[in-house]
């Protein structure tokens, strides 16, 4: 496999795991805050999780490169300001 394909696959796998974990955690917290903990909590949580993950995975896939560029830009600015003048 070429390096570009492996890089793209890595990005997709990362997005899959990151969006899944974040969706699972965030949907549990928000479901708990909105509805409380009762006998139907797990059902409501899983329903919310499925919707959240369906939205989060494509967004993470497309937004991650933008976030990386924004991070690089911010760090360059930070490094420029923290470098002592000669």
N, C-alpha and C. Protein backbone atom coordinates (compact mmCIF):
# COMPACT_ATOMS: atom_id res chain seq x y z
N UNK A 1 0.83 -1.18 0.00
CA UNK A 1 0.00 0.00 0.00
C UNK A 1 0.87 1.25 0.00
N UNK A 2 0.45 2.25 -0.71
CA UNK A 2 1.24 3.47 -0.75
C UNK A 2 1.11 4.24 0.56
N UNK A 3 2.03 5.14 0.79
CA UNK A 3 2.05 5.92 2.02
C UNK A 3 0.81 6.80 2.13
N UNK A 4 0.33 7.32 1.03
CA UNK A 4 -0.85 8.18 1.05
C UNK A 4 -2.07 7.37 1.48
N UNK A 5 -2.22 6.18 0.96
CA UNK A 5 -3.38 5.36 1.34
C UNK A 5 -3.33 4.98 2.81
N UNK A 6 -2.17 4.60 3.31
CA UNK A 6 -2.05 4.25 4.72
C UNK A 6 -2.35 5.46 5.60
N UNK A 7 -1.89 6.63 5.19
CA UNK A 7 -2.15 7.86 5.93
C UNK A 7 -3.65 8.15 5.97
N UNK A 8 -4.31 7.98 4.84
CA UNK A 8 -5.76 8.24 4.77
C UNK A 8 -6.53 7.21 5.60
N UNK A 9 -6.13 5.96 5.55
CA UNK A 9 -6.79 4.92 6.35
C UNK A 9 -6.59 5.21 7.84
N UNK A 10 -5.37 5.63 8.21
CA UNK A 10 -5.11 5.96 9.61
C UNK A 10 -6.02 7.08 10.07
N UNK A 11 -6.19 8.10 9.23
CA UNK A 11 -7.05 9.23 9.56
C UNK A 11 -8.50 8.77 9.76
N UNK A 12 -8.98 7.88 8.90
CA UNK A 12 -10.34 7.38 9.03
C UNK A 12 -10.52 6.52 10.28
N UNK A 13 -9.55 5.67 10.58
CA UNK A 13 -9.63 4.84 11.78
C UNK A 13 -9.59 5.71 13.03
N UNK A 14 -8.70 6.70 13.04
CA UNK A 14 -8.65 7.63 14.16
C UNK A 14 -10.00 8.33 14.33
N UNK A 15 -10.56 8.83 13.24
CA UNK A 15 -11.86 9.50 13.30
C UNK A 15 -12.96 8.59 13.79
N UNK A 16 -12.92 7.33 13.39
CA UNK A 16 -13.91 6.34 13.83
C UNK A 16 -13.86 6.18 15.35
N UNK A 17 -12.67 5.95 15.87
CA UNK A 17 -12.53 5.76 17.32
C UNK A 17 -12.80 7.05 18.10
N UNK A 18 -12.23 8.14 17.65
CA UNK A 18 -12.40 9.41 18.36
C UNK A 18 -13.86 9.84 18.39
N UNK A 19 -14.53 9.77 17.26
CA UNK A 19 -15.94 10.17 17.22
C UNK A 19 -16.79 9.22 18.04
N UNK A 20 -16.47 7.93 18.02
CA UNK A 20 -17.24 6.97 18.80
C UNK A 20 -17.10 7.19 20.29
N UNK A 21 -15.88 7.37 20.75
CA UNK A 21 -15.65 7.58 22.18
C UNK A 21 -16.27 8.89 22.64
N UNK A 22 -16.05 9.95 21.90
CA UNK A 22 -16.61 11.25 22.27
C UNK A 22 -18.14 11.23 22.23
N UNK A 23 -18.72 10.60 21.23
CA UNK A 23 -20.18 10.51 21.14
C UNK A 23 -20.75 9.71 22.30
N UNK A 24 -20.08 8.61 22.64
CA UNK A 24 -20.54 7.78 23.75
C UNK A 24 -20.53 8.57 25.06
N UNK A 25 -19.44 9.25 25.33
CA UNK A 25 -19.32 10.01 26.57
C UNK A 25 -20.24 11.22 26.61
N UNK A 26 -20.26 11.98 25.55
CA UNK A 26 -21.09 13.19 25.54
C UNK A 26 -22.58 12.86 25.56
N UNK A 27 -22.99 11.85 24.83
CA UNK A 27 -24.41 11.50 24.83
C UNK A 27 -24.84 10.98 26.21
N UNK A 28 -23.95 10.30 26.93
CA UNK A 28 -24.32 9.83 28.27
C UNK A 28 -24.49 11.00 29.23
N UNK A 29 -23.57 11.95 29.18
CA UNK A 29 -23.66 13.11 30.08
C UNK A 29 -24.89 13.94 29.77
N UNK A 30 -25.13 14.22 28.51
CA UNK A 30 -26.27 15.07 28.15
C UNK A 30 -27.60 14.36 28.41
N UNK A 31 -27.65 13.07 28.13
CA UNK A 31 -28.87 12.31 28.43
C UNK A 31 -29.13 12.30 29.93
N UNK A 32 -28.09 12.11 30.72
CA UNK A 32 -28.24 12.13 32.18
C UNK A 32 -28.72 13.49 32.67
N UNK A 33 -28.12 14.57 32.18
CA UNK A 33 -28.51 15.92 32.60
C UNK A 33 -29.95 16.21 32.21
N UNK A 34 -30.35 15.82 31.00
CA UNK A 34 -31.69 16.15 30.52
C UNK A 34 -32.79 15.26 31.08
N UNK A 35 -32.51 14.00 31.35
CA UNK A 35 -33.59 13.08 31.72
C UNK A 35 -33.38 12.36 33.04
N UNK A 36 -32.20 12.44 33.60
CA UNK A 36 -31.93 11.76 34.86
C UNK A 36 -31.65 10.28 34.66
N UNK A 37 -31.37 9.63 35.77
CA UNK A 37 -31.01 8.22 35.76
C UNK A 37 -32.20 7.40 36.25
N UNK A 38 -32.85 6.71 35.33
CA UNK A 38 -33.97 5.85 35.70
C UNK A 38 -33.91 4.58 34.85
N UNK A 39 -34.97 3.81 34.86
CA UNK A 39 -34.94 2.51 34.18
C UNK A 39 -34.82 2.63 32.65
N UNK A 40 -35.19 3.75 32.06
CA UNK A 40 -35.11 3.92 30.61
C UNK A 40 -33.85 4.64 30.16
N UNK A 41 -32.95 4.91 31.11
CA UNK A 41 -31.76 5.70 30.78
C UNK A 41 -30.91 5.07 29.68
N UNK A 42 -30.60 3.79 29.79
CA UNK A 42 -29.71 3.14 28.82
C UNK A 42 -30.33 3.16 27.42
N UNK A 43 -31.63 2.94 27.32
CA UNK A 43 -32.30 2.98 26.01
C UNK A 43 -32.19 4.38 25.40
N UNK A 44 -32.49 5.42 26.19
CA UNK A 44 -32.40 6.80 25.69
C UNK A 44 -30.95 7.15 25.33
N UNK A 45 -30.02 6.70 26.16
CA UNK A 45 -28.61 6.98 25.92
C UNK A 45 -28.15 6.35 24.61
N UNK A 46 -28.49 5.08 24.39
CA UNK A 46 -28.05 4.41 23.17
C UNK A 46 -28.69 5.04 21.93
N UNK A 47 -29.95 5.45 22.04
CA UNK A 47 -30.59 6.13 20.92
C UNK A 47 -29.88 7.44 20.60
N UNK A 48 -29.53 8.20 21.65
CA UNK A 48 -28.81 9.46 21.46
C UNK A 48 -27.41 9.21 20.92
N UNK A 49 -26.76 8.15 21.41
CA UNK A 49 -25.41 7.83 20.96
C UNK A 49 -25.38 7.51 19.46
N UNK A 50 -26.33 6.72 18.99
CA UNK A 50 -26.36 6.35 17.57
C UNK A 50 -26.49 7.60 16.69
N UNK A 51 -27.38 8.50 17.08
CA UNK A 51 -27.55 9.74 16.31
C UNK A 51 -26.27 10.58 16.38
N UNK A 52 -25.71 10.70 17.58
CA UNK A 52 -24.51 11.52 17.76
C UNK A 52 -23.35 10.96 16.93
N UNK A 53 -23.17 9.64 16.95
CA UNK A 53 -22.06 9.06 16.20
C UNK A 53 -22.26 9.21 14.70
N UNK A 54 -23.50 9.07 14.25
CA UNK A 54 -23.79 9.22 12.82
C UNK A 54 -23.45 10.63 12.34
N UNK A 55 -23.58 11.60 13.21
CA UNK A 55 -23.22 12.98 12.86
C UNK A 55 -21.73 13.22 13.08
N UNK A 56 -21.18 12.70 14.18
CA UNK A 56 -19.81 13.01 14.57
C UNK A 56 -18.76 12.41 13.64
N UNK A 57 -18.96 11.18 13.18
CA UNK A 57 -17.92 10.54 12.37
C UNK A 57 -17.62 11.30 11.08
N UNK A 58 -18.64 11.64 10.28
CA UNK A 58 -18.30 12.42 9.08
C UNK A 58 -17.72 13.79 9.41
N UNK A 59 -18.22 14.42 10.48
CA UNK A 59 -17.68 15.72 10.85
C UNK A 59 -16.22 15.63 11.26
N UNK A 60 -15.88 14.65 12.09
CA UNK A 60 -14.49 14.48 12.51
C UNK A 60 -13.61 14.21 11.30
N UNK A 61 -14.09 13.41 10.38
CA UNK A 61 -13.31 13.07 9.19
C UNK A 61 -12.97 14.32 8.37
N UNK A 62 -13.91 15.24 8.28
CA UNK A 62 -13.67 16.44 7.48
C UNK A 62 -13.04 17.57 8.28
N UNK A 63 -13.33 17.64 9.57
CA UNK A 63 -12.85 18.76 10.39
C UNK A 63 -11.44 18.53 10.92
N UNK A 64 -11.03 17.29 11.11
CA UNK A 64 -9.70 17.00 11.68
C UNK A 64 -8.57 17.68 10.90
N UNK A 65 -8.56 17.62 9.56
CA UNK A 65 -7.47 18.31 8.84
C UNK A 65 -7.50 19.83 9.08
N UNK A 66 -8.69 20.41 9.16
CA UNK A 66 -8.81 21.84 9.44
C UNK A 66 -8.29 22.15 10.84
N UNK A 67 -8.66 21.34 11.81
CA UNK A 67 -8.19 21.54 13.18
C UNK A 67 -6.67 21.41 13.25
N UNK A 68 -6.10 20.48 12.50
CA UNK A 68 -4.65 20.34 12.45
C UNK A 68 -3.98 21.58 11.89
N UNK A 69 -4.54 22.15 10.83
CA UNK A 69 -3.98 23.38 10.25
C UNK A 69 -4.11 24.56 11.21
N UNK A 70 -5.26 24.65 11.88
CA UNK A 70 -5.46 25.72 12.85
C UNK A 70 -4.48 25.58 14.02
N UNK A 71 -4.23 24.35 14.45
CA UNK A 71 -3.27 24.11 15.53
C UNK A 71 -1.87 24.51 15.10
N UNK A 72 -1.47 24.13 13.89
CA UNK A 72 -0.15 24.49 13.39
C UNK A 72 0.01 26.01 13.31
N UNK A 73 -1.03 26.70 12.83
CA UNK A 73 -1.00 28.16 12.74
C UNK A 73 -0.85 28.78 14.13
N UNK A 74 -1.64 28.30 15.07
CA UNK A 74 -1.60 28.83 16.44
C UNK A 74 -0.23 28.59 17.07
N UNK A 75 0.31 27.41 16.88
CA UNK A 75 1.61 27.10 17.47
C UNK A 75 2.72 27.93 16.85
N UNK A 76 2.64 28.18 15.55
CA UNK A 76 3.64 29.04 14.92
C UNK A 76 3.60 30.44 15.53
N UNK A 77 2.40 30.95 15.72
CA UNK A 77 2.23 32.29 16.32
C UNK A 77 2.77 32.30 17.75
N UNK A 78 2.46 31.25 18.49
CA UNK A 78 2.93 31.14 19.87
C UNK A 78 4.46 31.06 19.93
N UNK A 79 5.04 30.27 19.03
CA UNK A 79 6.50 30.12 19.00
C UNK A 79 7.18 31.41 18.59
N UNK A 80 6.55 32.16 17.67
CA UNK A 80 7.12 33.44 17.25
C UNK A 80 7.17 34.41 18.43
N UNK A 81 6.12 34.43 19.22
CA UNK A 81 6.04 35.37 20.36
C UNK A 81 6.93 34.94 21.51
N UNK A 82 7.17 33.65 21.64
CA UNK A 82 7.97 33.17 22.77
C UNK A 82 9.46 33.12 22.46
N UNK A 83 9.83 33.36 21.19
CA UNK A 83 11.24 33.36 20.82
C UNK A 83 11.85 34.72 21.19
N UNK A 84 12.92 34.74 21.98
CA UNK A 84 13.51 36.02 22.37
C UNK A 84 14.14 36.74 21.17
N UNK A 85 14.01 38.03 21.15
CA UNK A 85 14.59 38.83 20.07
C UNK A 85 16.10 38.93 20.26
N UNK A 86 16.82 38.91 19.16
CA UNK A 86 18.29 39.02 19.22
C UNK A 86 18.74 40.45 19.21
